[in-house]
Amino acid sequence: MHGQESVVYGERPSWLYYYRLYAVAIAVFMPLVRSDYNVEGAVVLVTVFFVAAIFRSRWYFSVTTDRVITQVGLIGRNTKEIRLRHIRTINTSQGPLERILGIGTTIFISAADGEAAVVFKGIRDPQGVKEMIRTLQGV
């Protein structure tokens, strides 16, 4: 690499990635609203938001001018990375609802072993991230 490595992209999973958790909260909250247990319903909603915030803060995805990196953990930290020049394949995945929400998963596969080396889950615009990496690679 020529020059200093710099960060060109950094993101946590989108808040929308936790839509399943929100759906469960709504399923629990709605009966409480109808039965005069508004305080309990509010506690459920606050708890769901807090749990989603913890899940979200565990993950951080970044792209530098030389590498793609996933960091996972609150107290401890696990890091996976792959150099841009070693990426052979980039796959994106979006289910129907994820596509509507504009979120998805981008998977970077190494040229060395052919296995997924780094995965960005629940990010906004996974196709845009793929194109950004291809641009950085000069492809």
N, C-alpha and C. Protein backbone atom coordinates (compact mmCIF):
# COMPACT_ATOMS: atom_id res chain seq x y z
N MET A 1 0.84 -1.18 0.00
CA MET A 1 0.00 0.00 0.00
C MET A 1 0.88 1.24 0.00
N HIS A 2 0.50 2.23 -0.75
CA HIS A 2 1.24 3.47 -0.82
C HIS A 2 0.51 4.52 -0.01
N GLY A 3 1.14 5.05 1.02
CA GLY A 3 0.51 6.10 1.82
C GLY A 3 -0.17 5.57 3.06
N GLN A 4 -0.85 6.46 3.74
CA GLN A 4 -1.50 6.18 5.00
C GLN A 4 -2.87 5.53 4.78
N GLU A 5 -3.19 4.53 5.58
CA GLU A 5 -4.51 3.91 5.54
C GLU A 5 -5.52 4.83 6.23
N SER A 6 -6.68 5.01 5.62
CA SER A 6 -7.71 5.85 6.24
C SER A 6 -9.07 5.16 6.16
N VAL A 7 -9.95 5.50 7.09
CA VAL A 7 -11.29 4.94 7.14
C VAL A 7 -12.18 5.67 6.14
N VAL A 8 -12.86 4.91 5.27
CA VAL A 8 -13.75 5.51 4.29
C VAL A 8 -15.22 5.20 4.57
N TYR A 9 -15.48 4.26 5.49
CA TYR A 9 -16.85 3.87 5.81
C TYR A 9 -16.85 3.25 7.20
N GLY A 10 -17.81 3.62 8.00
CA GLY A 10 -17.99 3.02 9.32
C GLY A 10 -19.47 3.03 9.68
N GLU A 11 -19.96 1.90 10.15
CA GLU A 11 -21.39 1.82 10.43
C GLU A 11 -21.67 0.68 11.41
N ARG A 12 -22.73 0.86 12.17
CA ARG A 12 -23.29 -0.20 13.00
C ARG A 12 -24.51 -0.74 12.25
N PRO A 13 -25.04 -1.90 12.67
CA PRO A 13 -26.28 -2.35 12.03
C PRO A 13 -27.36 -1.28 12.15
N SER A 14 -28.21 -1.20 11.16
CA SER A 14 -29.31 -0.24 11.18
C SER A 14 -30.27 -0.58 12.31
N TRP A 15 -30.91 0.45 12.86
CA TRP A 15 -31.96 0.21 13.86
C TRP A 15 -33.05 -0.66 13.26
N LEU A 16 -33.28 -0.55 11.97
CA LEU A 16 -34.32 -1.34 11.31
C LEU A 16 -33.99 -2.83 11.27
N TYR A 17 -32.72 -3.19 11.44
CA TYR A 17 -32.30 -4.59 11.43
C TYR A 17 -32.99 -5.38 12.54
N TYR A 18 -33.42 -4.73 13.58
CA TYR A 18 -34.04 -5.39 14.73
C TYR A 18 -35.55 -5.40 14.64
N TYR A 19 -36.08 -5.38 13.41
CA TYR A 19 -37.53 -5.33 13.20
C TYR A 19 -38.25 -6.52 13.82
N ARG A 20 -37.61 -7.68 13.90
CA ARG A 20 -38.25 -8.85 14.53
C ARG A 20 -38.48 -8.61 16.01
N LEU A 21 -37.50 -8.01 16.65
CA LEU A 21 -37.63 -7.66 18.06
C LEU A 21 -38.76 -6.66 18.27
N TYR A 22 -38.87 -5.69 17.39
CA TYR A 22 -39.94 -4.70 17.49
C TYR A 22 -41.31 -5.36 17.28
N ALA A 23 -41.38 -6.32 16.36
CA ALA A 23 -42.65 -7.01 16.11
C ALA A 23 -43.10 -7.78 17.35
N VAL A 24 -42.17 -8.43 18.03
CA VAL A 24 -42.50 -9.14 19.27
C VAL A 24 -42.98 -8.15 20.32
N ALA A 25 -42.32 -7.02 20.43
CA ALA A 25 -42.71 -6.00 21.41
C ALA A 25 -44.12 -5.50 21.13
N ILE A 26 -44.45 -5.29 19.88
CA ILE A 26 -45.78 -4.82 19.53
C ILE A 26 -46.82 -5.89 19.86
N ALA A 27 -46.47 -7.16 19.60
CA ALA A 27 -47.39 -8.25 19.92
C ALA A 27 -47.65 -8.32 21.42
N VAL A 28 -46.64 -8.02 22.23
CA VAL A 28 -46.81 -8.03 23.69
C VAL A 28 -47.46 -6.74 24.16
N PHE A 29 -47.10 -5.63 23.55
CA PHE A 29 -47.57 -4.31 23.99
C PHE A 29 -49.06 -4.07 23.70
N MET A 30 -49.52 -4.49 22.55
CA MET A 30 -50.90 -4.20 22.15
C MET A 30 -51.94 -4.74 23.13
N PRO A 31 -51.83 -5.99 23.59
CA PRO A 31 -52.82 -6.45 24.59
C PRO A 31 -52.75 -5.65 25.90
N LEU A 32 -51.58 -5.17 26.26
CA LEU A 32 -51.45 -4.40 27.50
C LEU A 32 -52.15 -3.05 27.38
N VAL A 33 -52.10 -2.45 26.19
CA VAL A 33 -52.75 -1.16 25.97
C VAL A 33 -54.27 -1.32 26.08
N ARG A 34 -54.76 -2.40 25.54
CA ARG A 34 -56.20 -2.63 25.54
C ARG A 34 -56.74 -3.00 26.93
N SER A 35 -55.87 -3.40 27.85
CA SER A 35 -56.35 -3.87 29.15
C SER A 35 -55.95 -2.96 30.31
N ASP A 36 -55.71 -1.67 30.03
CA ASP A 36 -55.40 -0.68 31.06
C ASP A 36 -54.09 -0.94 31.80
N TYR A 37 -53.14 -1.62 31.17
CA TYR A 37 -51.82 -1.81 31.76
C TYR A 37 -50.80 -0.96 30.99
N ASN A 38 -51.05 0.31 30.88
CA ASN A 38 -50.21 1.20 30.08
C ASN A 38 -48.79 1.30 30.61
N VAL A 39 -48.61 1.26 31.93
CA VAL A 39 -47.26 1.34 32.51
C VAL A 39 -46.45 0.12 32.11
N GLU A 40 -47.06 -1.05 32.19
CA GLU A 40 -46.36 -2.27 31.80
C GLU A 40 -46.00 -2.25 30.32
N GLY A 41 -46.92 -1.74 29.51
CA GLY A 41 -46.65 -1.62 28.09
C GLY A 41 -45.49 -0.69 27.80
N ALA A 42 -45.45 0.42 28.52
CA ALA A 42 -44.33 1.37 28.35
C ALA A 42 -43.02 0.72 28.76
N VAL A 43 -43.05 -0.05 29.84
CA VAL A 43 -41.84 -0.75 30.29
C VAL A 43 -41.37 -1.73 29.22
N VAL A 44 -42.31 -2.43 28.59
CA VAL A 44 -41.95 -3.36 27.52
C VAL A 44 -41.27 -2.61 26.38
N LEU A 45 -41.83 -1.49 25.96
CA LEU A 45 -41.25 -0.73 24.85
C LEU A 45 -39.86 -0.19 25.18
N VAL A 46 -39.69 0.34 26.38
CA VAL A 46 -38.38 0.85 26.79
C VAL A 46 -37.37 -0.29 26.86
N THR A 47 -37.79 -1.42 27.37
CA THR A 47 -36.90 -2.58 27.46
C THR A 47 -36.48 -3.05 26.08
N VAL A 48 -37.40 -3.10 25.15
CA VAL A 48 -37.08 -3.52 23.78
C VAL A 48 -36.09 -2.55 23.15
N PHE A 49 -36.31 -1.26 23.32
CA PHE A 49 -35.38 -0.27 22.78
C PHE A 49 -33.99 -0.45 23.40
N PHE A 50 -33.93 -0.68 24.71
CA PHE A 50 -32.65 -0.87 25.40
C PHE A 50 -31.93 -2.13 24.89
N VAL A 51 -32.68 -3.22 24.72
CA VAL A 51 -32.08 -4.46 24.22
C VAL A 51 -31.56 -4.26 22.79
N ALA A 52 -32.35 -3.59 21.95
CA ALA A 52 -31.90 -3.32 20.57
C ALA A 52 -30.64 -2.46 20.58
N ALA A 53 -30.57 -1.48 21.48
CA ALA A 53 -29.39 -0.62 21.57
C ALA A 53 -28.16 -1.42 21.98
N ILE A 54 -28.32 -2.36 22.89
CA ILE A 54 -27.19 -3.21 23.30
C ILE A 54 -26.74 -4.09 22.14
N PHE A 55 -27.70 -4.76 21.49
CA PHE A 55 -27.35 -5.60 20.34
C PHE A 55 -26.62 -4.79 19.28
N ARG A 56 -27.14 -3.62 18.98
CA ARG A 56 -26.57 -2.77 17.94
C ARG A 56 -25.16 -2.30 18.30
N SER A 57 -24.95 -1.94 19.56
CA SER A 57 -23.65 -1.42 19.96
C SER A 57 -22.56 -2.48 19.99
N ARG A 58 -22.93 -3.75 19.95
CA ARG A 58 -21.94 -4.83 19.93
C ARG A 58 -21.19 -4.90 18.60
N TRP A 59 -21.82 -4.46 17.52
CA TRP A 59 -21.26 -4.62 16.18
C TRP A 59 -20.77 -3.29 15.63
N TYR A 60 -19.62 -3.33 14.94
CA TYR A 60 -19.15 -2.17 14.19
C TYR A 60 -18.45 -2.65 12.93
N PHE A 61 -18.85 -2.10 11.80
CA PHE A 61 -18.29 -2.47 10.51
C PHE A 61 -17.54 -1.28 9.94
N SER A 62 -16.36 -1.54 9.38
CA SER A 62 -15.62 -0.43 8.78
C SER A 62 -14.88 -0.90 7.53
N VAL A 63 -14.64 0.09 6.69
CA VAL A 63 -13.86 -0.12 5.47
C VAL A 63 -12.79 0.95 5.49
N THR A 64 -11.55 0.52 5.29
CA THR A 64 -10.45 1.47 5.15
C THR A 64 -9.98 1.43 3.69
N THR A 65 -8.99 2.20 3.40
CA THR A 65 -8.45 2.19 2.05
C THR A 65 -7.71 0.89 1.74
N ASP A 66 -7.54 0.02 2.78
CA ASP A 66 -6.81 -1.24 2.60
C ASP A 66 -7.57 -2.49 3.06
N ARG A 67 -8.57 -2.33 3.97
CA ARG A 67 -9.20 -3.50 4.59
C ARG A 67 -10.70 -3.31 4.81
N VAL A 68 -11.43 -4.45 4.96
CA VAL A 68 -12.78 -4.44 5.50
C VAL A 68 -12.70 -5.13 6.86
N ILE A 69 -13.41 -4.58 7.85
CA ILE A 69 -13.23 -5.02 9.23
C ILE A 69 -14.59 -5.13 9.92
N THR A 70 -14.80 -6.23 10.66
CA THR A 70 -15.95 -6.38 11.54
C THR A 70 -15.43 -6.52 12.96
N GLN A 71 -15.99 -5.71 13.86
CA GLN A 71 -15.64 -5.79 15.28
C GLN A 71 -16.91 -6.14 16.04
N VAL A 72 -16.80 -7.13 16.95
CA VAL A 72 -17.95 -7.59 17.73
C VAL A 72 -17.56 -7.64 19.20
N GLY A 73 -18.44 -7.10 20.04
CA GLY A 73 -18.26 -7.23 21.48
C GLY A 73 -18.54 -5.94 22.22
N LEU A 74 -18.98 -6.09 23.46
CA LEU A 74 -19.19 -4.94 24.34
C LEU A 74 -17.99 -4.74 25.24
N ILE A 75 -17.66 -5.77 25.99
CA ILE A 75 -16.53 -5.68 26.92
C ILE A 75 -15.28 -6.23 26.25
N GLY A 76 -15.37 -7.46 25.79
CA GLY A 76 -14.30 -8.03 24.98
C GLY A 76 -14.54 -7.64 23.53
N ARG A 77 -13.58 -7.86 22.68
CA ARG A 77 -13.73 -7.46 21.28
C ARG A 77 -13.10 -8.53 20.40
N ASN A 78 -13.88 -9.02 19.42
CA ASN A 78 -13.37 -9.92 18.39
C ASN A 78 -13.38 -9.16 17.07
N THR A 79 -12.30 -9.29 16.33
CA THR A 79 -12.17 -8.57 15.07
C THR A 79 -11.86 -9.55 13.95
N LYS A 80 -12.56 -9.38 12.83
CA LYS A 80 -12.24 -10.12 11.61
C LYS A 80 -11.97 -9.08 10.54
N GLU A 81 -10.97 -9.34 9.73
CA GLU A 81 -10.66 -8.40 8.65
C GLU A 81 -10.10 -9.16 7.46
N ILE A 82 -10.21 -8.50 6.33
CA ILE A 82 -9.62 -9.03 5.11
C ILE A 82 -9.13 -7.84 4.28
N ARG A 83 -7.99 -7.98 3.70
CA ARG A 83 -7.44 -6.91 2.87
C ARG A 83 -8.23 -6.83 1.57
N LEU A 84 -8.42 -5.62 1.08
CA LEU A 84 -9.20 -5.41 -0.14
C LEU A 84 -8.64 -6.23 -1.30
N ARG A 85 -7.34 -6.29 -1.39
CA ARG A 85 -6.73 -7.01 -2.52
C ARG A 85 -6.95 -8.52 -2.44
N HIS A 86 -7.36 -9.03 -1.26
CA HIS A 86 -7.61 -10.46 -1.10
C HIS A 86 -9.07 -10.84 -1.25
N ILE A 87 -9.94 -9.88 -1.46
CA ILE A 87 -11.36 -10.17 -1.63
C ILE A 87 -11.59 -10.71 -3.04
N ARG A 88 -12.13 -11.92 -3.11
CA ARG A 88 -12.40 -12.55 -4.40
C ARG A 88 -13.84 -12.31 -4.82
N THR A 89 -14.77 -12.44 -3.87
CA THR A 89 -16.19 -12.33 -4.18
C THR A 89 -16.88 -11.49 -3.11
N ILE A 90 -17.87 -10.71 -3.52
CA ILE A 90 -18.70 -9.95 -2.59
C ILE A 90 -20.15 -10.31 -2.89
N ASN A 91 -20.83 -10.86 -1.89
CA ASN A 91 -22.24 -11.22 -2.04
C ASN A 91 -23.09 -10.31 -1.16
N THR A 92 -24.28 -10.01 -1.64
CA THR A 92 -25.25 -9.28 -0.82
C THR A 92 -26.48 -10.14 -0.66
N SER A 93 -27.17 -9.95 0.47
CA SER A 93 -28.36 -10.72 0.77
C SER A 93 -29.42 -9.81 1.36
N GLN A 94 -30.64 -9.88 0.83
CA GLN A 94 -31.77 -9.12 1.34
C GLN A 94 -33.03 -9.95 1.19
N GLY A 95 -33.73 -10.18 2.29
CA GLY A 95 -35.05 -10.79 2.20
C GLY A 95 -36.04 -9.74 1.72
N PRO A 96 -37.28 -10.14 1.46
CA PRO A 96 -38.27 -9.18 0.94
C PRO A 96 -38.49 -7.98 1.87
N LEU A 97 -38.67 -8.23 3.15
CA LEU A 97 -38.89 -7.12 4.07
C LEU A 97 -37.63 -6.27 4.22
N GLU A 98 -36.46 -6.92 4.25
CA GLU A 98 -35.20 -6.17 4.32
C GLU A 98 -35.03 -5.27 3.10
N ARG A 99 -35.45 -5.76 1.96
CA ARG A 99 -35.34 -4.95 0.75
C ARG A 99 -36.23 -3.71 0.83
N ILE A 100 -37.43 -3.90 1.36
CA ILE A 100 -38.34 -2.77 1.55
C ILE A 100 -37.75 -1.77 2.54
N LEU A 101 -37.11 -2.28 3.61
CA LEU A 101 -36.52 -1.42 4.64
C LEU A 101 -35.19 -0.82 4.20
N GLY A 102 -34.61 -1.31 3.11
CA GLY A 102 -33.33 -0.78 2.62
C GLY A 102 -32.13 -1.26 3.39
N ILE A 103 -32.25 -2.44 4.02
CA ILE A 103 -31.13 -3.00 4.77
C ILE A 103 -30.79 -4.38 4.22
N GLY A 104 -29.65 -4.92 4.61
CA GLY A 104 -29.27 -6.25 4.17
C GLY A 104 -27.89 -6.62 4.68
N THR A 105 -27.35 -7.67 4.12
CA THR A 105 -26.06 -8.21 4.54
C THR A 105 -25.11 -8.22 3.35
N THR A 106 -23.87 -7.84 3.62
CA THR A 106 -22.82 -7.92 2.60
C THR A 106 -21.76 -8.88 3.11
N ILE A 107 -21.40 -9.85 2.27
CA ILE A 107 -20.45 -10.90 2.65
C ILE A 107 -19.23 -10.79 1.75
N PHE A 108 -18.07 -10.69 2.37
CA PHE A 108 -16.80 -10.59 1.66
C PHE A 108 -16.08 -11.93 1.75
N ILE A 109 -15.74 -12.50 0.60
CA ILE A 109 -15.12 -13.82 0.55
C ILE A 109 -13.68 -13.69 0.10
N SER A 110 -12.81 -14.33 0.86
CA SER A 110 -11.37 -14.24 0.64
C SER A 110 -10.92 -15.06 -0.57
N ALA A 111 -9.93 -14.55 -1.26
CA ALA A 111 -9.33 -15.29 -2.37
C ALA A 111 -8.48 -16.44 -1.85
N ALA A 112 -8.00 -16.33 -0.60
CA ALA A 112 -7.08 -17.32 -0.05
C ALA A 112 -7.77 -18.66 0.22
N ASP A 113 -8.92 -18.63 0.90
CA ASP A 113 -9.55 -19.89 1.28
C ASP A 113 -10.98 -20.07 0.77
N GLY A 114 -11.55 -19.06 0.14
CA GLY A 114 -12.88 -19.17 -0.43
C GLY A 114 -14.01 -19.15 0.58
N GLU A 115 -13.70 -18.90 1.85
CA GLU A 115 -14.73 -18.84 2.88
C GLU A 115 -15.05 -17.39 3.22
N ALA A 116 -16.24 -17.16 3.75
CA ALA A 116 -16.62 -15.81 4.15
C ALA A 116 -15.67 -15.34 5.24
N ALA A 117 -14.97 -14.27 4.97
CA ALA A 117 -14.02 -13.75 5.95
C ALA A 117 -14.65 -12.66 6.80
N VAL A 118 -15.45 -11.81 6.19
CA VAL A 118 -16.05 -10.68 6.90
C VAL A 118 -17.50 -10.54 6.45
N VAL A 119 -18.39 -10.34 7.42
CA VAL A 119 -19.82 -10.18 7.13
C VAL A 119 -20.31 -8.89 7.78
N PHE A 120 -20.95 -8.04 7.00
CA PHE A 120 -21.61 -6.83 7.51
C PHE A 120 -23.11 -7.11 7.54
N LYS A 121 -23.68 -7.34 8.73
CA LYS A 121 -25.10 -7.69 8.87
C LYS A 121 -25.95 -6.46 9.17
N GLY A 122 -27.10 -6.39 8.54
CA GLY A 122 -28.08 -5.37 8.87
C GLY A 122 -27.70 -3.95 8.48
N ILE A 123 -26.87 -3.81 7.46
CA ILE A 123 -26.42 -2.46 7.08
C ILE A 123 -27.38 -1.83 6.07
N ARG A 124 -27.36 -0.51 6.06
CA ARG A 124 -28.12 0.22 5.04
C ARG A 124 -27.37 0.09 3.71
N ASP A 125 -28.12 -0.06 2.65
CA ASP A 125 -27.59 -0.08 1.28
C ASP A 125 -26.43 -1.07 1.09
N PRO A 126 -26.69 -2.37 1.26
CA PRO A 126 -25.61 -3.36 1.10
C PRO A 126 -25.02 -3.37 -0.31
N GLN A 127 -25.85 -3.11 -1.31
CA GLN A 127 -25.35 -3.06 -2.69
C GLN A 127 -24.40 -1.87 -2.88
N GLY A 128 -24.72 -0.75 -2.24
CA GLY A 128 -23.85 0.42 -2.31
C GLY A 128 -22.49 0.16 -1.67
N VAL A 129 -22.49 -0.60 -0.58
CA VAL A 129 -21.22 -0.96 0.07
C VAL A 129 -20.41 -1.86 -0.85
N LYS A 130 -21.08 -2.79 -1.51
CA LYS A 130 -20.39 -3.66 -2.48
C LYS A 130 -19.73 -2.84 -3.58
N GLU A 131 -20.48 -1.88 -4.11
CA GLU A 131 -19.95 -1.04 -5.19
C GLU A 131 -18.78 -0.17 -4.69
N MET A 132 -18.88 0.31 -3.45
CA MET A 132 -17.80 1.11 -2.88
C MET A 132 -16.50 0.28 -2.80
N ILE A 133 -16.62 -0.98 -2.38
CA ILE A 133 -15.45 -1.85 -2.28
C ILE A 133 -14.87 -2.10 -3.67
N ARG A 134 -15.72 -2.36 -4.64
CA ARG A 134 -15.24 -2.58 -6.01
C ARG A 134 -14.51 -1.35 -6.54
N THR A 135 -15.01 -0.18 -6.20
CA THR A 135 -14.33 1.07 -6.60
C THR A 135 -12.97 1.16 -5.94
N LEU A 136 -12.90 0.87 -4.64
CA LEU A 136 -11.62 0.91 -3.93
C LEU A 136 -10.63 -0.10 -4.49
N GLN A 137 -11.15 -1.22 -4.95
CA GLN A 137 -10.29 -2.25 -5.55
C GLN A 137 -9.85 -1.87 -6.96
N GLY A 138 -10.52 -0.89 -7.54
CA GLY A 138 -10.19 -0.50 -8.91
C GLY A 138 -10.80 -1.42 -9.95
N VAL A 139 -11.87 -2.12 -9.57
CA VAL A 139 -12.53 -3.07 -10.49
C VAL A 139 -13.62 -2.36 -11.25
